[in-house]
Amino acid sequence: MFAQALKGKIFDIVSQSARELGVRAFVIGGYVRDFFLQRPNNDIDIVVEGSGIALAEAVAEKLHVKVSVFKNFGTAMLHYRDMEVEFVGARRESYRASSRKPIVEDGTLEEDQQRRDFTINAMAFSLQHDDYGALVDPFGGIRDLNAGLIRTPLDPDTTYSDDPLRMLRGIRFATQLGFTIVPESIESMRRNKARLEILSAERIADELNKMMKAPKPSVGFYLLDECELLPYVLPALADLKGVETVSGRAHKDNFKHSLQVLDNVAAVSDNVWLRWAALLHDIGKAPTKRWEPGIGWTFHGHEYVGSKMVKGVFNKLKMSQTEDMKYVQKLVGLHMRPVALVTDEVTDSAVRRLLFEAGDDIDDLMLLCKADITSANEQKVERYKQQYEHVRQKLEEVEAKDAVRNFKNPITGELIMEKYHLPPCREIGIIKEAVKEAILDGVIPNDFDAAYALMEQKAAEMGLA
């Protein structure tokens, strides 16, 4: 008996209301799993052998809260304190090959548990008065939970073919929990990989983002590769796999390198978009890889090409096309720039330009660059880290002196038009660009008086004064 898991008014009210309606109710799924994992979970799923909507309405009336009813799905939801409680009637399902949307019929608790994705998510606690808190676990979920295993309640081919999203969910749970997917499930995922084609891009992206937020996100991407799902969800990343050798010279495995950089970033930042930038920072290496006799393997312009490819990745997954994508594009496009600033002779002008282009994202860019230092050669790693610190110090010195991180041109188009009585025209852009370049090159300081004087000089040269 696990009545301690069901302490709280909400469970008492659900139990009482179910008894009054003459139905059986159970807490099922993630709440039960997380109770044994000792993880907080305020999302409570109630399955009812009867009408989930009717029970939700009865509970809401007793708690004096509103209930949201979704008749098309046979579900209802209410909020109580900090908990979200969803009610659904026990169901059995059948699937068509062309869709992951099932044909749903009323069913028993056991039939409902059979349709769950994994044994660890199929466990239920009874809310009946005579066995309150009893664990209902027909598929050995508690055994698999203790062993750290991801296993399907039914034959995995049935589970994954019916709803291929479960393959991604299995990999996500393994990543989040540090669990192992049982071999028969791995083999089934390989057999059913083409079923991913019926999934919506949004569903795939949602699972990838959850993997990305895990403490060690590389686990998920290695599993996607092992299960042969990676080309279906992130082909640009899959293209980085492998090592090619010519004349005894090999390049590094850029897939493994990218995952190491991802983990390095994850160890120091929860920013999911910085993690995406880490994962994608080298995707331009596949299309730019060349063997050049006398030089070796080259990836010229891979950062520029990779930055352009980011949009295609986000489009395919139907992820954010606004500031988040632009942020990832920026970091991918700039990730090689700090490396070019490692010499003692680096100019303040080059540093100013990097600060200007990176803006507020300069600190994240430097985190990415530090994470990009991966090598089995400890001496090489130490040398790169010293170079990184040199660049970071130079950035701090120039920023303290010139304040160009959030550079705004002191000379605006409105000012030029008012001063010289001009309509919008190309001359305005020429003057503004001249002032900007002079500040970034250190010809004039970053202040209004110096910029104004240069504006007057350029206007005179152009015959505007």
Protein backbone atom coordinates (compact mmCIF):
# COMPACT_ATOMS: atom_id res chain seq x y z
CA MET A 1 0.00 0.00 0.00
CA PHE A 2 1.29 3.45 -0.92
CA ALA A 3 -1.31 5.68 0.69
CA GLN A 4 1.45 8.18 1.56
CA ALA A 5 1.70 8.95 -2.15
CA LEU A 6 -1.97 10.00 -2.10
CA LYS A 7 -1.91 12.38 0.81
CA GLY A 8 -3.83 15.53 0.09
CA LYS A 9 -7.37 16.78 -0.26
CA ILE A 10 -7.48 16.31 -4.03
CA PHE A 11 -7.08 12.53 -3.80
CA ASP A 12 -9.67 12.22 -1.04
CA ILE A 13 -12.18 14.22 -3.06
CA VAL A 14 -11.58 12.17 -6.23
CA SER A 15 -11.96 8.94 -4.26
CA GLN A 16 -15.18 10.13 -2.59
CA SER A 17 -16.66 11.43 -5.87
CA ALA A 18 -15.86 8.19 -7.71
CA ARG A 19 -17.57 6.18 -4.99
CA GLU A 20 -20.67 8.39 -5.21
CA LEU A 21 -20.78 7.98 -9.01
CA GLY A 22 -20.25 4.22 -8.76
CA VAL A 23 -17.06 4.21 -10.84
CA ARG A 24 -13.49 3.09 -10.17
CA ALA A 25 -10.70 5.67 -10.39
CA PHE A 26 -6.91 5.40 -10.37
CA VAL A 27 -3.89 7.73 -10.41
CA ILE A 28 -1.78 6.58 -13.34
CA GLY A 29 1.39 7.37 -15.24
CA GLY A 30 4.00 10.00 -14.49
CA TYR A 31 2.83 10.88 -10.98
CA VAL A 32 3.16 7.24 -9.91
CA ARG A 33 6.55 6.83 -11.60
CA ASP A 34 7.92 10.00 -10.06
CA PHE A 35 6.71 9.05 -6.58
CA PHE A 36 9.09 6.08 -6.67
CA LEU A 37 11.84 8.21 -8.22
CA GLN A 38 11.29 10.80 -5.47
CA ARG A 39 10.83 13.51 -8.07
CA PRO A 40 8.25 16.29 -7.63
CA ASN A 41 5.33 16.09 -10.03
CA ASN A 42 2.26 18.30 -9.91
CA ASP A 43 0.67 16.83 -13.06
CA ILE A 44 -1.84 14.20 -11.93
CA ASP A 45 -3.55 11.87 -14.41
CA ILE A 46 -6.75 10.15 -13.24
CA VAL A 47 -8.08 7.23 -15.28
CA VAL A 48 -11.70 6.22 -14.69
CA GLU A 49 -13.56 3.06 -15.55
CA GLY A 50 -16.48 5.17 -16.65
CA SER A 51 -16.82 8.84 -17.66
CA GLY A 52 -13.73 10.91 -16.91
CA ILE A 53 -15.66 14.08 -17.69
CA ALA A 54 -18.46 13.28 -15.21
CA LEU A 55 -15.95 12.57 -12.45
CA ALA A 56 -14.03 15.77 -13.21
CA GLU A 57 -17.22 17.82 -12.99
CA ALA A 58 -18.16 16.23 -9.66
CA VAL A 59 -14.68 16.89 -8.23
CA ALA A 60 -14.64 20.48 -9.50
CA GLU A 61 -18.01 21.14 -7.83
CA LYS A 62 -16.70 19.94 -4.46
CA LEU A 63 -13.47 21.95 -4.80
CA HIS A 64 -15.27 25.05 -6.14
CA VAL A 65 -12.95 25.31 -9.15
CA LYS A 66 -13.55 25.54 -12.87
CA VAL A 67 -13.24 22.50 -15.12
CA SER A 68 -12.19 22.49 -18.78
CA VAL A 69 -13.96 19.82 -20.81
CA PHE A 70 -12.65 18.41 -24.10
CA LYS A 71 -15.57 16.31 -25.34
CA ASN A 72 -13.87 15.29 -28.60
CA PHE A 73 -11.14 13.59 -26.58
CA GLY A 74 -13.29 12.45 -23.68
CA THR A 75 -11.06 14.30 -21.21
CA ALA A 76 -11.41 17.08 -18.66
CA MET A 77 -8.92 19.12 -16.69
CA LEU A 78 -8.94 21.26 -13.56
CA HIS A 79 -6.39 23.19 -11.55
CA TYR A 80 -6.26 22.91 -7.80
CA ARG A 81 -3.62 24.87 -5.91
CA ASP A 82 -0.38 24.19 -7.80
CA MET A 83 -1.63 20.94 -9.36
CA GLU A 84 -2.99 20.21 -12.83
CA VAL A 85 -5.37 17.26 -12.72
CA GLU A 86 -6.54 15.54 -15.90
CA PHE A 87 -9.38 13.00 -16.03
CA VAL A 88 -9.94 10.46 -18.78
CA GLY A 89 -12.06 7.36 -19.14
CA ALA A 90 -10.19 4.06 -19.38
CA ARG A 91 -9.72 3.28 -23.06
CA ARG A 92 -8.68 0.63 -25.46
CA GLU A 93 -7.26 1.69 -28.79
CA SER A 94 -6.70 0.45 -32.32
CA TYR A 95 -4.58 2.15 -34.97
CA ARG A 96 -4.47 2.64 -38.71
CA ALA A 97 -1.13 2.40 -40.52
CA SER A 98 -1.35 5.95 -41.88
CA SER A 99 -1.88 7.74 -38.57
CA ARG A 100 -0.79 7.81 -34.92
CA LYS A 101 -4.33 8.90 -33.97
CA PRO A 102 -6.14 5.85 -32.55
CA ILE A 103 -9.70 4.63 -32.81
CA VAL A 104 -10.75 4.83 -29.15
CA GLU A 105 -13.35 2.76 -27.29
CA ASP A 106 -14.28 2.47 -23.63
CA GLY A 107 -12.14 -0.07 -21.83
CA THR A 108 -10.93 -1.40 -18.50
CA LEU A 109 -7.99 -0.24 -16.43
CA GLU A 110 -5.89 -3.15 -17.69
CA GLU A 111 -6.70 -2.31 -21.33
CA ASP A 112 -5.76 1.30 -20.60
CA GLN A 113 -2.46 0.19 -19.06
CA GLN A 114 -1.72 -1.95 -22.11
CA ARG A 115 -1.89 1.08 -24.38
CA ARG A 116 0.68 3.00 -22.30
CA ASP A 117 4.10 3.55 -23.80
CA PHE A 118 6.37 2.00 -21.15
CA THR A 119 5.99 -0.22 -18.11
CA ILE A 120 7.28 2.56 -15.83
CA ASN A 121 4.43 4.78 -17.06
CA ALA A 122 1.75 2.09 -16.85
CA MET A 123 1.67 1.78 -13.05
CA ALA A 124 -1.41 3.00 -11.17
CA PHE A 125 -2.47 3.72 -7.59
CA SER A 126 -6.00 2.69 -6.60
CA LEU A 127 -8.33 5.38 -5.26
CA GLN A 128 -10.96 2.84 -4.13
CA HIS A 129 -11.92 2.94 -0.47
CA ASP A 130 -11.23 -0.77 0.13
CA ASP A 131 -7.66 -0.80 -1.30
CA TYR A 132 -6.75 2.91 -1.26
CA GLY A 133 -3.13 3.41 -2.42
CA ALA A 134 -2.65 -0.14 -3.73
CA LEU A 135 -0.18 -0.38 -6.62
CA VAL A 136 -1.65 -1.86 -9.79
CA ASP A 137 1.33 -2.98 -11.84
CA PRO A 138 0.51 -5.83 -14.27
CA PHE A 139 3.59 -5.30 -16.46
CA GLY A 140 6.38 -5.09 -13.88
CA GLY A 141 6.88 -1.34 -13.97
CA ILE A 142 8.31 -1.23 -10.45
CA ARG A 143 10.82 -3.94 -11.40
CA ASP A 144 11.95 -1.97 -14.46
CA LEU A 145 12.06 1.25 -12.48
CA ASN A 146 14.38 -0.31 -9.91
CA ALA A 147 16.54 -1.80 -12.67
CA GLY A 148 16.60 1.47 -14.65
CA LEU A 149 15.06 -0.07 -17.79
CA ILE A 150 12.84 1.30 -20.55
CA ARG A 151 10.52 -1.50 -21.71
CA THR A 152 7.13 -1.52 -23.48
CA PRO A 153 4.11 -3.24 -21.85
CA LEU A 154 3.26 -5.08 -25.08
CA ASP A 155 5.42 -6.35 -27.93
CA PRO A 156 7.54 -3.31 -28.88
CA ASP A 157 6.67 -3.63 -32.58
CA THR A 158 3.01 -3.12 -31.66
CA THR A 159 3.76 -0.22 -29.30
CA TYR A 160 6.08 1.63 -31.70
CA SER A 161 4.21 0.93 -34.93
CA ASP A 162 0.93 2.09 -33.38
CA ASP A 163 2.44 5.37 -32.19
CA PRO A 164 6.00 6.05 -33.39
CA LEU A 165 6.29 9.07 -31.09
CA ARG A 166 6.85 6.48 -28.35
CA MET A 167 10.27 5.73 -29.84
CA LEU A 168 11.37 9.31 -29.27
CA ARG A 169 9.73 9.34 -25.84
CA GLY A 170 11.66 6.20 -24.89
CA ILE A 171 14.94 7.81 -25.87
CA ARG A 172 13.96 10.99 -24.04
CA PHE A 173 13.14 9.10 -20.83
CA ALA A 174 16.42 7.18 -21.07
CA THR A 175 18.24 10.51 -21.45
CA GLN A 176 16.44 12.29 -18.63
CA LEU A 177 16.52 9.40 -16.14
CA GLY A 178 19.82 7.77 -17.05
CA PHE A 179 17.95 4.53 -17.87
CA THR A 180 18.80 1.79 -20.40
CA ILE A 181 16.50 0.83 -23.27
CA VAL A 182 16.15 -2.95 -23.40
CA PRO A 183 17.75 -4.59 -26.50
CA GLU A 184 14.44 -5.81 -27.97
CA SER A 185 13.18 -2.21 -27.94
CA ILE A 186 16.33 -0.95 -29.67
CA GLU A 187 15.89 -3.60 -32.38
CA SER A 188 12.20 -2.74 -32.75
CA MET A 189 12.99 0.97 -33.15
CA ARG A 190 15.31 0.10 -36.02
CA ARG A 191 12.59 -1.97 -37.67
CA ASN A 192 9.98 0.76 -37.22
CA LYS A 193 12.14 3.82 -37.95
CA ALA A 194 10.27 4.69 -41.16
CA ARG A 195 7.11 5.13 -39.08
CA LEU A 196 8.59 8.43 -37.86
CA GLU A 197 7.51 9.91 -41.19
CA ILE A 198 3.89 10.12 -39.99
CA LEU A 199 4.84 12.30 -37.01
CA SER A 200 4.35 16.04 -37.04
CA ALA A 201 7.51 18.15 -36.91
CA GLU A 202 6.22 19.88 -33.77
CA ARG A 203 6.00 16.57 -31.87
CA ILE A 204 9.56 15.67 -32.88
CA ALA A 205 10.87 19.09 -31.89
CA ASP A 206 9.15 18.88 -28.51
CA GLU A 207 10.92 15.60 -27.70
CA LEU A 208 14.27 16.92 -28.94
CA ASN A 209 13.96 20.00 -26.75
CA LYS A 210 13.21 17.83 -23.72
CA MET A 211 16.32 15.74 -24.49
CA MET A 212 18.29 18.94 -24.92
CA LYS A 213 17.38 20.04 -21.38
CA ALA A 214 18.71 16.83 -19.81
CA PRO A 215 21.88 16.99 -17.65
CA LYS A 216 23.83 15.08 -20.34
CA PRO A 217 21.93 15.59 -23.60
CA SER A 218 24.46 13.71 -25.75
CA VAL A 219 22.94 10.45 -24.42
CA GLY A 220 19.78 11.09 -26.42
CA PHE A 221 21.57 11.82 -29.67
CA TYR A 222 23.81 8.76 -29.36
CA LEU A 223 20.66 6.69 -28.81
CA LEU A 224 18.95 8.28 -31.82
CA ASP A 225 21.97 7.21 -33.84
CA GLU A 226 22.10 3.70 -32.34
CA CYS A 227 18.39 3.20 -33.07
CA GLU A 228 18.88 4.54 -36.64
CA LEU A 229 16.38 7.36 -36.06
CA LEU A 230 18.83 10.26 -36.36
CA PRO A 231 18.59 10.67 -40.17
CA TYR A 232 14.81 11.06 -39.81
CA VAL A 233 14.95 13.81 -37.18
CA LEU A 234 18.30 15.62 -37.69
CA PRO A 235 19.86 14.59 -41.02
CA ALA A 236 22.35 17.49 -40.92
CA LEU A 237 23.78 16.08 -37.67
CA ALA A 238 23.79 12.51 -39.02
CA ASP A 239 25.85 13.71 -42.00
CA LEU A 240 28.73 14.56 -39.63
CA LYS A 241 29.23 10.92 -38.66
CA GLY A 242 32.36 8.99 -39.50
CA VAL A 243 36.04 9.54 -40.20
CA GLU A 244 37.64 9.61 -43.63
CA THR A 245 41.36 8.92 -44.17
CA VAL A 246 43.53 9.97 -47.14
CA SER A 247 47.28 9.37 -47.30
CA GLY A 248 47.24 8.28 -43.68
CA ARG A 249 45.65 11.53 -42.50
CA ALA A 250 42.20 11.47 -40.91
CA HIS A 251 39.90 14.22 -39.71
CA LYS A 252 38.12 13.90 -36.36
CA ASP A 253 34.62 12.48 -36.06
CA ASN A 254 32.65 15.71 -36.11
CA PHE A 255 29.50 13.98 -34.85
CA LYS A 256 31.20 12.82 -31.65
CA HIS A 257 32.95 16.18 -31.32
CA SER A 258 29.64 18.06 -31.60
CA LEU A 259 28.10 15.92 -28.85
CA GLN A 260 31.10 16.52 -26.60
CA VAL A 261 30.74 20.28 -27.15
CA LEU A 262 27.01 19.97 -26.36
CA ASP A 263 27.76 18.25 -23.05
CA ASN A 264 30.47 20.80 -22.24
CA VAL A 265 27.94 23.62 -22.70
CA ALA A 266 25.25 21.72 -20.76
CA ALA A 267 27.64 21.45 -17.81
CA VAL A 268 27.77 25.24 -17.45
CA SER A 269 24.49 26.58 -18.93
CA ASP A 270 20.77 25.73 -18.89
CA ASN A 271 20.17 27.93 -21.96
CA VAL A 272 18.52 25.49 -24.38
CA TRP A 273 19.29 27.69 -27.42
CA LEU A 274 22.97 27.87 -26.49
CA ARG A 275 22.84 24.07 -26.33
CA TRP A 276 21.29 24.01 -29.82
CA ALA A 277 24.12 26.25 -31.04
CA ALA A 278 26.63 23.80 -29.55
CA LEU A 279 24.95 20.84 -31.23
CA LEU A 280 24.79 22.56 -34.63
CA HIS A 281 28.01 24.59 -34.54
CA ASP A 282 29.83 22.30 -36.98
CA ILE A 283 26.98 21.15 -39.28
CA GLY A 284 28.62 23.13 -42.08
CA LYS A 285 31.60 20.76 -42.04
CA ALA A 286 29.84 18.01 -44.00
CA PRO A 287 29.20 20.10 -47.14
CA THR A 288 32.55 21.97 -46.91
CA LYS A 289 34.86 19.00 -46.29
CA ARG A 290 37.71 18.86 -48.82
CA TRP A 291 41.01 17.02 -49.12
CA GLU A 292 43.73 19.40 -50.30
CA PRO A 293 47.07 17.80 -51.22
CA GLY A 294 49.90 19.27 -49.19
CA ILE A 295 47.45 20.75 -46.69
CA GLY A 296 45.15 17.95 -45.56
CA TRP A 297 41.48 18.07 -44.65
CA THR A 298 39.87 21.51 -44.80
CA PHE A 299 36.44 22.86 -43.90
CA HIS A 300 36.75 26.38 -45.30
CA GLY A 301 33.81 28.62 -44.42
CA HIS A 302 32.01 25.88 -42.51
CA GLU A 303 30.84 28.39 -39.91
CA TYR A 304 29.22 30.57 -42.60
CA VAL A 305 27.63 27.57 -44.35
CA GLY A 306 26.51 26.13 -41.00
CA SER A 307 24.87 29.40 -40.03
CA LYS A 308 22.81 29.29 -43.23
CA MET A 309 21.89 25.63 -42.58
CA VAL A 310 20.44 26.44 -39.14
CA LYS A 311 17.36 27.94 -40.78
CA GLY A 312 16.75 24.70 -42.69
CA VAL A 313 17.01 22.66 -39.48
CA PHE A 314 14.56 24.95 -37.66
CA ASN A 315 12.20 24.98 -40.66
CA LYS A 316 12.14 21.17 -40.85
CA LEU A 317 11.32 20.94 -37.15
CA LYS A 318 8.92 23.91 -37.33
CA MET A 319 10.74 25.50 -34.41
CA SER A 320 10.92 29.20 -33.59
CA GLN A 321 11.81 31.32 -36.61
CA THR A 322 12.33 34.51 -34.63
CA GLU A 323 14.96 35.60 -32.13
CA ASP A 324 15.84 32.10 -30.93
CA MET A 325 16.79 30.95 -34.41
CA LYS A 326 18.71 34.16 -35.13
CA TYR A 327 20.61 33.69 -31.87
CA VAL A 328 21.63 30.15 -32.86
CA GLN A 329 22.56 31.35 -36.35
CA LYS A 330 24.69 34.12 -34.90
CA LEU A 331 26.64 31.86 -32.58
CA VAL A 332 27.21 29.21 -35.26
CA GLY A 333 28.38 31.90 -37.68
CA LEU A 334 30.74 33.53 -35.17
CA HIS A 335 32.09 30.50 -33.33
CA MET A 336 35.43 30.57 -35.18
CA ARG A 337 36.02 34.31 -34.77
CA PRO A 338 37.52 34.30 -31.27
CA VAL A 339 39.98 31.63 -32.41
CA ALA A 340 41.36 34.14 -34.91
CA LEU A 341 42.18 36.56 -32.07
CA VAL A 342 44.77 34.42 -30.27
CA THR A 343 47.97 36.16 -31.40
CA ASP A 344 49.71 38.76 -29.24
CA GLU A 345 49.45 41.21 -32.15
CA VAL A 346 45.67 41.10 -32.30
CA THR A 347 44.36 44.60 -32.92
CA ASP A 348 41.82 46.45 -30.85
CA SER A 349 39.92 46.99 -34.09
CA ALA A 350 39.40 43.24 -34.60
CA VAL A 351 38.22 42.88 -31.01
CA ARG A 352 35.84 45.83 -31.36
CA ARG A 353 34.32 44.28 -34.47
CA LEU A 354 33.72 40.98 -32.70
CA LEU A 355 32.12 42.80 -29.76
CA PHE A 356 29.99 44.81 -32.19
CA GLU A 357 28.78 41.71 -34.10
CA ALA A 358 28.19 39.53 -31.03
CA GLY A 359 26.60 42.28 -28.92
CA ASP A 360 24.97 40.97 -25.75
CA ASP A 361 25.67 37.40 -26.87
CA ILE A 362 29.45 37.74 -26.56
CA ASP A 363 29.54 35.90 -23.21
CA ASP A 364 27.53 32.99 -24.65
CA LEU A 365 29.80 32.95 -27.70
CA MET A 366 32.86 32.68 -25.47
CA LEU A 367 31.19 29.85 -23.51
CA LEU A 368 30.65 28.03 -26.79
CA CYS A 369 34.25 28.63 -27.87
CA LYS A 370 35.60 27.27 -24.59
CA ALA A 371 33.30 24.23 -24.89
CA ASP A 372 34.66 23.70 -28.41
CA ILE A 373 38.09 22.85 -26.98
CA THR A 374 38.08 19.06 -27.19
CA SER A 375 41.11 16.84 -27.72
CA ALA A 376 42.67 13.71 -26.30
CA ASN A 377 45.98 15.63 -26.26
CA GLU A 378 46.10 17.32 -22.83
CA GLN A 379 48.94 19.65 -23.86
CA LYS A 380 46.93 20.87 -26.85
CA VAL A 381 43.86 21.43 -24.65
CA GLU A 382 45.92 23.41 -22.14
CA ARG A 383 47.43 25.56 -24.91
CA TYR A 384 43.98 26.29 -26.36
CA LYS A 385 42.63 27.19 -22.93
CA GLN A 386 45.48 29.67 -22.40
CA GLN A 387 44.70 31.21 -25.80
CA TYR A 388 41.02 31.39 -24.87
CA GLU A 389 41.85 33.24 -21.63
CA HIS A 390 44.05 35.65 -23.59
CA VAL A 391 41.16 36.47 -25.94
CA ARG A 392 38.66 36.79 -23.07
CA GLN A 393 40.95 39.22 -21.26
CA LYS A 394 41.44 41.26 -24.45
CA LEU A 395 37.66 41.45 -24.93
CA GLU A 396 37.21 42.74 -21.39
CA GLU A 397 39.93 45.37 -21.82
CA VAL A 398 38.57 46.73 -25.09
CA GLU A 399 34.96 46.69 -23.87
CA ALA A 400 35.92 48.59 -20.70
CA LYS A 401 37.70 51.20 -22.80
CA ASP A 402 35.45 51.55 -25.86
CA ALA A 403 31.98 50.26 -24.82
CA VAL A 404 31.04 48.75 -28.18
CA ARG A 405 29.23 45.61 -26.98
CA ASN A 406 25.87 47.29 -27.62
CA PHE A 407 27.15 49.80 -30.13
CA LYS A 408 24.69 52.41 -31.34
CA ASN A 409 25.86 54.88 -33.90
CA PRO A 410 25.96 58.35 -32.27
CA ILE A 411 24.94 59.80 -35.63
CA THR A 412 21.39 58.96 -36.68
CA GLY A 413 19.74 59.37 -40.06
CA GLU A 414 17.30 61.84 -38.55
CA LEU A 415 20.14 64.03 -37.32
CA ILE A 416 21.79 64.09 -40.77
CA MET A 417 18.50 64.89 -42.52
CA GLU A 418 17.74 67.73 -40.10
CA LYS A 419 21.27 69.17 -40.22
CA TYR A 420 21.56 69.18 -44.01
CA HIS A 421 17.87 69.41 -44.98
CA LEU A 422 17.96 66.10 -46.82
CA PRO A 423 15.22 63.66 -47.77
CA PRO A 424 15.98 59.94 -47.32
CA CYS A 425 18.91 59.21 -49.65
CA ARG A 426 22.08 57.11 -50.05
CA GLU A 427 24.33 59.94 -48.77
CA ILE A 428 22.86 59.46 -45.27
CA GLY A 429 23.91 55.81 -45.26
CA ILE A 430 27.41 56.70 -46.49
CA ILE A 431 27.94 59.17 -43.63
CA LYS A 432 26.58 56.79 -40.97
CA GLU A 433 28.77 53.94 -42.26
CA ALA A 434 31.86 56.19 -42.25
CA VAL A 435 31.24 57.14 -38.61
CA LYS A 436 30.63 53.50 -37.59
CA GLU A 437 33.79 52.25 -39.33
CA ALA A 438 35.88 55.04 -37.81
CA ILE A 439 34.73 54.12 -34.31
CA LEU A 440 35.28 50.38 -34.81
CA ASP A 441 38.72 51.02 -36.33
CA GLY A 442 39.67 53.25 -33.42
CA VAL A 443 40.15 56.34 -35.64
CA ILE A 444 37.80 58.30 -33.38
CA PRO A 445 36.52 57.53 -29.86
CA ASN A 446 33.00 56.21 -29.34
CA ASP A 447 31.44 59.53 -28.31
CA PHE A 448 29.02 62.03 -29.84
CA ASP A 449 31.37 65.01 -30.24
CA ALA A 450 33.98 63.08 -32.21
CA ALA A 451 31.28 61.43 -34.32
CA TYR A 452 29.60 64.78 -35.01
CA ALA A 453 32.88 66.31 -36.14
CA LEU A 454 33.47 63.41 -38.54
CA MET A 455 29.92 63.77 -39.86
CA GLU A 456 30.61 67.41 -40.67
CA GLN A 457 33.90 66.48 -42.35
CA LYS A 458 32.28 63.79 -44.52
CA ALA A 459 29.35 66.06 -45.41
CA ALA A 460 31.77 68.75 -46.54
CA GLU A 461 33.69 66.26 -48.68
CA MET A 462 30.41 65.25 -50.31
CA GLY A 463 29.40 68.84 -50.94
CA LEU A 464 26.49 68.80 -48.52
CA ALA A 465 27.69 71.51 -46.12
